[in-house]
Amino acid sequence: QALRVLAVVDAGAARVKILRAARALLPDGTADRLAAQIDTDLAGLVLLSPHSSEDIDALALLRSAEILAGRQELWPLQGRIRRFLELLGESPRRINSEAAAVLTASERRVVRLAIDRLSNRQIADELGVSVKAVEWHLSHAYRKLSISSRAQLAGTLGPSF
């Protein structure tokens, strides 16, 4: 946290180096919120600095931070990430709760089972509906969520959906 503050108040060229050092101190899975904030700071520095020669994939950093901010409902960070994504010409992904809200109850039931890796036949048997009905609900869910495959469901809605 101290290195992040130092990078914010330092007006020099060392900001990126300081943020990279701060990020390197955070092992994966620990301090996820701080890691997302640092990733967003790094991406912002690259995007807002017209002469940056840093080899940083701002989009990858933002997408990673976006997932965490959405999962933990960190609205201020999510808003900042969305503004940076718009600067890149990218569309922000829906937050899990936003994505789930557009699905009907039937679509949510089918999607939950699909995330659990059940086949269409297994889902149909579980819910007592036809395979065609499962396919119909999945295709509508894909369209509503702006995804194109079953593999993207968990990433869009989260594994705990």
N, C-alpha and C. Protein backbone atom coordinates (compact mmCIF):
# COMPACT_ATOMS: atom_id res chain seq x y z
N GLN A 1 0.84 -1.19 0.00
CA GLN A 1 0.00 0.00 0.00
C GLN A 1 0.88 1.25 0.00
N ALA A 2 1.96 1.21 0.76
CA ALA A 2 2.85 2.37 0.83
C ALA A 2 3.48 2.67 -0.53
N LEU A 3 3.88 1.63 -1.24
CA LEU A 3 4.45 1.85 -2.57
C LEU A 3 3.42 2.43 -3.52
N ARG A 4 2.19 2.02 -3.39
CA ARG A 4 1.12 2.56 -4.25
C ARG A 4 0.95 4.06 -3.97
N VAL A 5 0.94 4.43 -2.71
CA VAL A 5 0.82 5.84 -2.34
C VAL A 5 2.01 6.63 -2.86
N LEU A 6 3.19 6.06 -2.73
CA LEU A 6 4.39 6.73 -3.23
C LEU A 6 4.30 6.97 -4.74
N ALA A 7 3.80 5.99 -5.47
CA ALA A 7 3.65 6.14 -6.92
C ALA A 7 2.63 7.21 -7.27
N VAL A 8 1.61 7.37 -6.45
CA VAL A 8 0.58 8.38 -6.72
C VAL A 8 1.11 9.79 -6.47
N VAL A 9 1.90 9.95 -5.43
CA VAL A 9 2.38 11.30 -5.10
C VAL A 9 3.66 11.66 -5.84
N ASP A 10 4.36 10.67 -6.37
CA ASP A 10 5.59 10.92 -7.13
C ASP A 10 5.22 11.34 -8.54
N ALA A 11 5.66 12.52 -8.96
CA ALA A 11 5.34 13.01 -10.30
C ALA A 11 6.38 12.59 -11.32
N GLY A 12 7.36 11.84 -10.92
CA GLY A 12 8.46 11.48 -11.81
C GLY A 12 8.17 10.24 -12.64
N ALA A 13 9.17 9.87 -13.41
CA ALA A 13 9.06 8.74 -14.32
C ALA A 13 9.13 7.40 -13.60
N ALA A 14 9.43 7.42 -12.32
CA ALA A 14 9.58 6.18 -11.56
C ALA A 14 8.25 5.55 -11.15
N ARG A 15 7.16 6.19 -11.47
CA ARG A 15 5.85 5.69 -11.03
C ARG A 15 5.59 4.25 -11.45
N VAL A 16 5.83 3.98 -12.71
CA VAL A 16 5.57 2.63 -13.23
C VAL A 16 6.46 1.62 -12.53
N LYS A 17 7.73 1.98 -12.35
CA LYS A 17 8.68 1.07 -11.68
C LYS A 17 8.22 0.79 -10.25
N ILE A 18 7.75 1.81 -9.56
CA ILE A 18 7.29 1.65 -8.18
C ILE A 18 6.05 0.75 -8.14
N LEU A 19 5.11 0.98 -9.06
CA LEU A 19 3.90 0.16 -9.08
C LEU A 19 4.22 -1.29 -9.44
N ARG A 20 5.15 -1.49 -10.35
CA ARG A 20 5.56 -2.87 -10.67
C ARG A 20 6.17 -3.54 -9.46
N ALA A 21 6.98 -2.81 -8.71
CA ALA A 21 7.59 -3.37 -7.49
C ALA A 21 6.51 -3.71 -6.47
N ALA A 22 5.54 -2.84 -6.33
CA ALA A 22 4.44 -3.09 -5.39
C ALA A 22 3.66 -4.33 -5.79
N ARG A 23 3.41 -4.47 -7.09
CA ARG A 23 2.65 -5.62 -7.60
C ARG A 23 3.43 -6.91 -7.41
N ALA A 24 4.74 -6.84 -7.58
CA ALA A 24 5.59 -8.03 -7.43
C ALA A 24 5.61 -8.54 -5.99
N LEU A 25 5.34 -7.65 -5.05
CA LEU A 25 5.32 -8.06 -3.65
C LEU A 25 4.05 -8.81 -3.24
N LEU A 26 3.06 -8.81 -4.11
CA LEU A 26 1.79 -9.45 -3.79
C LEU A 26 1.68 -10.80 -4.49
N PRO A 27 1.83 -11.88 -3.74
CA PRO A 27 1.66 -13.20 -4.36
C PRO A 27 0.21 -13.37 -4.83
N ASP A 28 0.04 -14.20 -5.85
CA ASP A 28 -1.32 -14.45 -6.37
C ASP A 28 -2.22 -14.97 -5.26
N GLY A 29 -3.43 -14.45 -5.22
CA GLY A 29 -4.42 -14.90 -4.25
C GLY A 29 -4.40 -14.16 -2.93
N THR A 30 -3.40 -13.32 -2.71
CA THR A 30 -3.37 -12.54 -1.48
C THR A 30 -3.57 -11.07 -1.83
N ALA A 31 -4.29 -10.39 -1.04
CA ALA A 31 -4.53 -8.95 -1.23
C ALA A 31 -5.05 -8.67 -2.64
N ASP A 32 -6.05 -9.42 -3.06
CA ASP A 32 -6.60 -9.28 -4.41
C ASP A 32 -7.09 -7.86 -4.69
N ARG A 33 -7.71 -7.26 -3.70
CA ARG A 33 -8.23 -5.90 -3.90
C ARG A 33 -7.10 -4.91 -4.20
N LEU A 34 -6.04 -4.99 -3.41
CA LEU A 34 -4.89 -4.11 -3.63
C LEU A 34 -4.25 -4.41 -4.97
N ALA A 35 -4.15 -5.68 -5.33
CA ALA A 35 -3.58 -6.05 -6.63
C ALA A 35 -4.40 -5.46 -7.77
N ALA A 36 -5.72 -5.50 -7.65
CA ALA A 36 -6.59 -4.92 -8.69
C ALA A 36 -6.41 -3.41 -8.76
N GLN A 37 -6.26 -2.77 -7.62
CA GLN A 37 -6.04 -1.32 -7.61
C GLN A 37 -4.71 -0.97 -8.27
N ILE A 38 -3.66 -1.73 -7.97
CA ILE A 38 -2.35 -1.47 -8.56
C ILE A 38 -2.39 -1.73 -10.06
N ASP A 39 -3.05 -2.82 -10.47
CA ASP A 39 -3.17 -3.12 -11.91
C ASP A 39 -3.89 -1.98 -12.63
N THR A 40 -4.93 -1.45 -12.02
CA THR A 40 -5.67 -0.34 -12.61
C THR A 40 -4.80 0.91 -12.67
N ASP A 41 -4.03 1.16 -11.62
CA ASP A 41 -3.10 2.30 -11.63
C ASP A 41 -2.08 2.16 -12.76
N LEU A 42 -1.51 0.97 -12.91
CA LEU A 42 -0.52 0.74 -13.98
C LEU A 42 -1.14 0.97 -15.35
N ALA A 43 -2.31 0.40 -15.57
CA ALA A 43 -2.99 0.58 -16.86
C ALA A 43 -3.29 2.05 -17.10
N GLY A 44 -3.73 2.75 -16.06
CA GLY A 44 -4.02 4.17 -16.20
C GLY A 44 -2.80 5.00 -16.56
N LEU A 45 -1.67 4.69 -15.95
CA LEU A 45 -0.44 5.41 -16.28
C LEU A 45 -0.06 5.21 -17.74
N VAL A 46 -0.20 3.98 -18.21
CA VAL A 46 0.13 3.70 -19.61
C VAL A 46 -0.84 4.43 -20.54
N LEU A 47 -2.12 4.40 -20.21
CA LEU A 47 -3.12 5.02 -21.08
C LEU A 47 -3.06 6.54 -21.07
N LEU A 48 -2.77 7.12 -19.93
CA LEU A 48 -2.81 8.57 -19.80
C LEU A 48 -1.46 9.24 -20.07
N SER A 49 -0.43 8.44 -20.26
CA SER A 49 0.88 8.99 -20.57
C SER A 49 1.15 8.81 -22.06
N PRO A 50 1.08 9.86 -22.83
CA PRO A 50 1.20 9.73 -24.28
C PRO A 50 2.57 9.26 -24.76
N HIS A 51 3.58 9.42 -23.94
CA HIS A 51 4.93 9.06 -24.36
C HIS A 51 5.46 7.85 -23.61
N SER A 52 4.56 7.05 -23.10
CA SER A 52 5.00 5.89 -22.32
C SER A 52 5.64 4.85 -23.23
N SER A 53 6.81 4.41 -22.84
CA SER A 53 7.50 3.37 -23.60
C SER A 53 7.42 2.04 -22.86
N GLU A 54 6.64 2.00 -21.82
CA GLU A 54 6.52 0.79 -21.01
C GLU A 54 5.79 -0.30 -21.79
N ASP A 55 6.29 -1.52 -21.65
CA ASP A 55 5.67 -2.67 -22.29
C ASP A 55 4.67 -3.28 -21.31
N ILE A 56 3.51 -2.66 -21.21
CA ILE A 56 2.48 -3.11 -20.28
C ILE A 56 1.20 -3.32 -21.08
N ASP A 57 0.59 -4.46 -20.91
CA ASP A 57 -0.67 -4.75 -21.58
C ASP A 57 -1.81 -4.18 -20.73
N ALA A 58 -2.17 -2.94 -21.00
CA ALA A 58 -3.18 -2.24 -20.20
C ALA A 58 -4.51 -2.98 -20.23
N LEU A 59 -4.90 -3.50 -21.39
CA LEU A 59 -6.19 -4.19 -21.49
C LEU A 59 -6.21 -5.43 -20.60
N ALA A 60 -5.14 -6.21 -20.61
CA ALA A 60 -5.09 -7.42 -19.78
C ALA A 60 -5.17 -7.06 -18.29
N LEU A 61 -4.47 -6.01 -17.90
CA LEU A 61 -4.52 -5.56 -16.50
C LEU A 61 -5.93 -5.14 -16.12
N LEU A 62 -6.58 -4.39 -17.01
CA LEU A 62 -7.93 -3.90 -16.72
C LEU A 62 -8.94 -5.03 -16.67
N ARG A 63 -8.84 -5.98 -17.58
CA ARG A 63 -9.79 -7.10 -17.57
C ARG A 63 -9.64 -7.93 -16.31
N SER A 64 -8.42 -8.13 -15.86
CA SER A 64 -8.18 -8.88 -14.63
C SER A 64 -8.78 -8.13 -13.43
N ALA A 65 -8.52 -6.84 -13.36
CA ALA A 65 -9.05 -6.03 -12.26
C ALA A 65 -10.57 -5.94 -12.34
N GLU A 66 -11.10 -5.92 -13.56
CA GLU A 66 -12.55 -5.82 -13.76
C GLU A 66 -13.28 -7.02 -13.16
N ILE A 67 -12.70 -8.19 -13.33
CA ILE A 67 -13.31 -9.41 -12.79
C ILE A 67 -13.39 -9.33 -11.27
N LEU A 68 -12.29 -8.97 -10.64
CA LEU A 68 -12.26 -8.90 -9.19
C LEU A 68 -13.19 -7.80 -8.67
N ALA A 69 -13.14 -6.64 -9.30
CA ALA A 69 -13.99 -5.52 -8.85
C ALA A 69 -15.47 -5.89 -8.98
N GLY A 70 -15.82 -6.60 -10.04
CA GLY A 70 -17.20 -7.02 -10.21
C GLY A 70 -17.61 -8.06 -9.19
N ARG A 71 -16.73 -9.03 -8.94
CA ARG A 71 -17.03 -10.11 -8.00
C ARG A 71 -17.21 -9.56 -6.59
N GLN A 72 -16.38 -8.58 -6.21
CA GLN A 72 -16.44 -8.04 -4.86
C GLN A 72 -17.27 -6.76 -4.76
N GLU A 73 -17.90 -6.39 -5.87
CA GLU A 73 -18.76 -5.21 -5.93
C GLU A 73 -18.05 -3.95 -5.43
N LEU A 74 -16.87 -3.73 -5.97
CA LEU A 74 -16.07 -2.54 -5.64
C LEU A 74 -16.43 -1.46 -6.65
N TRP A 75 -17.52 -0.75 -6.41
CA TRP A 75 -18.09 0.16 -7.40
C TRP A 75 -17.16 1.29 -7.82
N PRO A 76 -16.47 1.98 -6.89
CA PRO A 76 -15.58 3.05 -7.36
C PRO A 76 -14.47 2.52 -8.28
N LEU A 77 -13.87 1.39 -7.91
CA LEU A 77 -12.83 0.80 -8.75
C LEU A 77 -13.43 0.34 -10.08
N GLN A 78 -14.60 -0.23 -10.04
CA GLN A 78 -15.27 -0.68 -11.27
C GLN A 78 -15.52 0.50 -12.20
N GLY A 79 -15.95 1.63 -11.66
CA GLY A 79 -16.18 2.82 -12.48
C GLY A 79 -14.90 3.32 -13.13
N ARG A 80 -13.83 3.29 -12.38
CA ARG A 80 -12.53 3.73 -12.91
C ARG A 80 -12.06 2.80 -14.03
N ILE A 81 -12.23 1.51 -13.81
CA ILE A 81 -11.85 0.53 -14.83
C ILE A 81 -12.67 0.74 -16.10
N ARG A 82 -13.95 0.97 -15.94
CA ARG A 82 -14.82 1.19 -17.10
C ARG A 82 -14.41 2.41 -17.91
N ARG A 83 -14.01 3.47 -17.22
CA ARG A 83 -13.56 4.68 -17.94
C ARG A 83 -12.29 4.40 -18.73
N PHE A 84 -11.36 3.65 -18.14
CA PHE A 84 -10.14 3.30 -18.86
C PHE A 84 -10.44 2.39 -20.05
N LEU A 85 -11.37 1.44 -19.86
CA LEU A 85 -11.74 0.56 -20.98
C LEU A 85 -12.33 1.37 -22.13
N GLU A 86 -13.13 2.36 -21.79
CA GLU A 86 -13.71 3.22 -22.83
C GLU A 86 -12.62 3.99 -23.58
N LEU A 87 -11.57 4.41 -22.86
CA LEU A 87 -10.44 5.08 -23.52
C LEU A 87 -9.75 4.14 -24.53
N LEU A 88 -9.77 2.86 -24.22
CA LEU A 88 -9.18 1.86 -25.13
C LEU A 88 -10.14 1.46 -26.25
N GLY A 89 -11.38 1.96 -26.18
CA GLY A 89 -12.37 1.58 -27.18
C GLY A 89 -12.98 0.22 -26.91
N GLU A 90 -12.86 -0.27 -25.69
CA GLU A 90 -13.39 -1.58 -25.30
C GLU A 90 -14.68 -1.41 -24.51
N SER A 91 -15.54 -2.39 -24.63
CA SER A 91 -16.77 -2.38 -23.85
C SER A 91 -16.53 -3.05 -22.51
N PRO A 92 -17.00 -2.43 -21.44
CA PRO A 92 -16.87 -3.10 -20.14
C PRO A 92 -17.77 -4.33 -20.10
N ARG A 93 -17.32 -5.33 -19.38
CA ARG A 93 -18.15 -6.53 -19.20
C ARG A 93 -19.17 -6.25 -18.11
N ARG A 94 -20.25 -6.97 -18.20
CA ARG A 94 -21.25 -6.82 -17.15
C ARG A 94 -20.72 -7.42 -15.86
N ILE A 95 -21.10 -6.80 -14.78
CA ILE A 95 -20.78 -7.33 -13.46
C ILE A 95 -21.71 -8.51 -13.23
N ASN A 96 -21.25 -9.50 -12.49
CA ASN A 96 -22.04 -10.73 -12.28
C ASN A 96 -23.49 -10.45 -11.94
N SER A 97 -23.73 -9.55 -11.01
CA SER A 97 -25.11 -9.27 -10.60
C SER A 97 -25.89 -8.61 -11.73
N GLU A 98 -25.23 -7.77 -12.54
CA GLU A 98 -25.90 -7.16 -13.69
C GLU A 98 -26.23 -8.22 -14.73
N ALA A 99 -25.29 -9.12 -14.97
CA ALA A 99 -25.49 -10.16 -15.97
C ALA A 99 -26.62 -11.10 -15.55
N ALA A 100 -26.62 -11.51 -14.31
CA ALA A 100 -27.64 -12.44 -13.84
C ALA A 100 -29.03 -11.81 -13.88
N ALA A 101 -29.10 -10.51 -13.70
CA ALA A 101 -30.39 -9.82 -13.66
C ALA A 101 -31.12 -9.86 -15.00
N VAL A 102 -30.41 -10.02 -16.11
CA VAL A 102 -31.07 -10.03 -17.41
C VAL A 102 -31.63 -11.40 -17.78
N LEU A 103 -31.28 -12.42 -17.01
CA LEU A 103 -31.75 -13.77 -17.32
C LEU A 103 -33.07 -14.07 -16.63
N THR A 104 -33.92 -14.84 -17.31
CA THR A 104 -35.16 -15.29 -16.69
C THR A 104 -34.82 -16.39 -15.69
N ALA A 105 -35.78 -16.75 -14.86
CA ALA A 105 -35.57 -17.81 -13.87
C ALA A 105 -35.21 -19.13 -14.56
N SER A 106 -35.88 -19.44 -15.65
CA SER A 106 -35.58 -20.68 -16.38
C SER A 106 -34.19 -20.65 -16.97
N GLU A 107 -33.80 -19.52 -17.53
CA GLU A 107 -32.46 -19.39 -18.08
C GLU A 107 -31.41 -19.54 -17.00
N ARG A 108 -31.67 -18.97 -15.82
CA ARG A 108 -30.71 -19.09 -14.71
C ARG A 108 -30.55 -20.55 -14.28
N ARG A 109 -31.66 -21.29 -14.21
CA ARG A 109 -31.58 -22.71 -13.83
C ARG A 109 -30.73 -23.50 -14.82
N VAL A 110 -30.97 -23.28 -16.10
CA VAL A 110 -30.22 -24.00 -17.15
C VAL A 110 -28.75 -23.59 -17.11
N VAL A 111 -28.48 -22.30 -16.98
CA VAL A 111 -27.11 -21.80 -16.97
C VAL A 111 -26.34 -22.34 -15.78
N ARG A 112 -26.96 -22.40 -14.60
CA ARG A 112 -26.29 -22.94 -13.41
C ARG A 112 -25.81 -24.37 -13.67
N LEU A 113 -26.68 -25.18 -14.28
CA LEU A 113 -26.31 -26.57 -14.56
C LEU A 113 -25.26 -26.65 -15.65
N ALA A 114 -25.33 -25.76 -16.61
CA ALA A 114 -24.32 -25.74 -17.69
C ALA A 114 -22.95 -25.35 -17.11
N ILE A 115 -22.92 -24.43 -16.18
CA ILE A 115 -21.66 -24.04 -15.53
C ILE A 115 -21.08 -25.22 -14.77
N ASP A 116 -21.96 -26.09 -14.24
CA ASP A 116 -21.51 -27.29 -13.54
C ASP A 116 -21.08 -28.39 -14.50
N ARG A 117 -21.01 -28.06 -15.79
CA ARG A 117 -20.52 -28.96 -16.85
C ARG A 117 -21.44 -30.15 -17.15
N LEU A 118 -22.71 -29.97 -16.93
CA LEU A 118 -23.65 -31.00 -17.35
C LEU A 118 -23.92 -30.83 -18.84
N SER A 119 -24.16 -31.93 -19.51
CA SER A 119 -24.50 -31.87 -20.94
C SER A 119 -25.94 -31.39 -21.09
N ASN A 120 -26.31 -31.02 -22.30
CA ASN A 120 -27.69 -30.58 -22.55
C ASN A 120 -28.67 -31.68 -22.17
N ARG A 121 -28.34 -32.93 -22.48
CA ARG A 121 -29.20 -34.08 -22.14
C ARG A 121 -29.34 -34.20 -20.63
N GLN A 122 -28.23 -34.08 -19.90
CA GLN A 122 -28.27 -34.18 -18.44
C GLN A 122 -29.09 -33.04 -17.83
N ILE A 123 -28.94 -31.85 -18.38
CA ILE A 123 -29.72 -30.69 -17.90
C ILE A 123 -31.20 -30.94 -18.14
N ALA A 124 -31.54 -31.42 -19.34
CA ALA A 124 -32.93 -31.71 -19.68
C ALA A 124 -33.52 -32.74 -18.72
N ASP A 125 -32.78 -33.79 -18.44
CA ASP A 125 -33.25 -34.83 -17.51
C ASP A 125 -33.43 -34.26 -16.10
N GLU A 126 -32.47 -33.46 -15.68
CA GLU A 126 -32.52 -32.86 -14.33
C GLU A 126 -33.74 -31.95 -14.16
N LEU A 127 -34.05 -31.18 -15.19
CA LEU A 127 -35.14 -30.20 -15.10
C LEU A 127 -36.47 -30.73 -15.61
N GLY A 128 -36.44 -31.90 -16.23
CA GLY A 128 -37.68 -32.47 -16.76
C GLY A 128 -38.21 -31.73 -17.97
N VAL A 129 -37.29 -31.28 -18.82
CA VAL A 129 -37.67 -30.57 -20.05
C VAL A 129 -36.98 -31.25 -21.22
N SER A 130 -37.30 -30.79 -22.42
CA SER A 130 -36.67 -31.37 -23.61
C SER A 130 -35.27 -30.77 -23.83
N VAL A 131 -34.46 -31.48 -24.59
CA VAL A 131 -33.14 -30.97 -24.95
C VAL A 131 -33.29 -29.68 -25.75
N LYS A 132 -34.32 -29.62 -26.59
CA LYS A 132 -34.58 -28.40 -27.38
C LYS A 132 -34.81 -27.20 -26.47
N ALA A 133 -35.54 -27.42 -25.37
CA ALA A 133 -35.81 -26.32 -24.42
C ALA A 133 -34.50 -25.85 -23.78
N VAL A 134 -33.63 -26.79 -23.45
CA VAL A 134 -32.32 -26.43 -22.88
C VAL A 134 -31.53 -25.61 -23.89
N GLU A 135 -31.48 -26.07 -25.13
CA GLU A 135 -30.76 -25.35 -26.18
C GLU A 135 -31.34 -23.95 -26.36
N TRP A 136 -32.65 -23.83 -26.32
CA TRP A 136 -33.32 -22.54 -26.49
C TRP A 136 -32.91 -21.59 -25.36
N HIS A 137 -32.98 -22.07 -24.10
CA HIS A 137 -32.63 -21.22 -22.96
C HIS A 137 -31.16 -20.82 -23.00
N LEU A 138 -30.28 -21.76 -23.36
CA LEU A 138 -28.86 -21.43 -23.45
C LEU A 138 -28.59 -20.40 -24.54
N SER A 139 -29.21 -20.57 -25.70
CA SER A 139 -28.96 -19.61 -26.78
C SER A 139 -29.46 -18.22 -26.42
N HIS A 140 -30.59 -18.14 -25.72
CA HIS A 140 -31.07 -16.83 -25.28
C HIS A 140 -30.16 -16.22 -24.21
N ALA A 141 -29.66 -17.07 -23.32
CA ALA A 141 -28.74 -16.58 -22.29
C ALA A 141 -27.46 -16.07 -22.94
N TYR A 142 -26.92 -16.80 -23.91
CA TYR A 142 -25.72 -16.35 -24.61
C TYR A 142 -25.94 -14.98 -25.23
N ARG A 143 -27.07 -14.82 -25.90
CA ARG A 143 -27.36 -13.55 -26.56
C ARG A 143 -27.45 -12.42 -25.54
N LYS A 144 -28.15 -12.66 -24.45
CA LYS A 144 -28.32 -11.63 -23.43
C LYS A 144 -26.99 -11.26 -22.76
N LEU A 145 -26.11 -12.25 -22.61
CA LEU A 145 -24.83 -12.02 -21.94
C LEU A 145 -23.72 -11.61 -22.90
N SER A 146 -24.05 -11.55 -24.19
CA SER A 146 -23.08 -11.19 -25.23
C SER A 146 -21.87 -12.13 -25.23
N ILE A 147 -22.18 -13.42 -25.14
CA ILE A 147 -21.13 -14.44 -25.23
C ILE A 147 -21.51 -15.40 -26.35
N SER A 148 -20.58 -16.28 -26.71
CA SER A 148 -20.86 -17.17 -27.83
C SER A 148 -20.66 -18.64 -27.51
N SER A 149 -20.28 -18.95 -26.28
CA SER A 149 -20.06 -20.36 -25.97
C SER A 149 -20.31 -20.67 -24.51
N ARG A 150 -20.51 -21.94 -24.27
CA ARG A 150 -20.71 -22.46 -22.92
C ARG A 150 -19.48 -22.19 -22.05
N ALA A 151 -18.30 -22.26 -22.66
CA ALA A 151 -17.06 -22.04 -21.92
C ALA A 151 -17.00 -20.64 -21.31
N GLN A 152 -17.68 -19.69 -21.89
CA GLN A 152 -17.64 -18.30 -21.40
C GLN A 152 -18.63 -18.03 -20.27
N LEU A 153 -19.51 -18.98 -19.99
CA LEU A 153 -20.53 -18.76 -18.96
C LEU A 153 -19.92 -18.50 -17.58
N ALA A 154 -19.03 -19.40 -17.16
CA ALA A 154 -18.44 -19.24 -15.81
C ALA A 154 -17.65 -17.95 -15.71
N GLY A 155 -16.95 -17.58 -16.77
CA GLY A 155 -16.17 -16.34 -16.74
C GLY A 155 -17.06 -15.11 -16.67
N THR A 156 -18.23 -15.18 -17.29
CA THR A 156 -19.15 -14.05 -17.30
C THR A 156 -19.94 -13.95 -16.00
N LEU A 157 -20.41 -15.08 -15.51
CA LEU A 157 -21.27 -15.08 -14.34
C LEU A 157 -20.55 -15.45 -13.05
N GLY A 158 -19.37 -16.01 -13.17
CA GLY A 158 -18.63 -16.44 -11.99
C GLY A 158 -18.94 -17.87 -11.63
N PRO A 159 -17.97 -18.57 -11.07
CA PRO A 159 -18.16 -19.98 -10.74
C PRO A 159 -19.18 -20.21 -9.64
N SER A 160 -19.43 -19.21 -8.82
CA SER A 160 -20.38 -19.38 -7.72
C SER A 160 -21.80 -18.95 -8.09
N PHE A 161 -22.05 -18.70 -9.38
CA PHE A 161 -23.36 -18.31 -9.84
C PHE A 161 -24.34 -19.40 -9.49
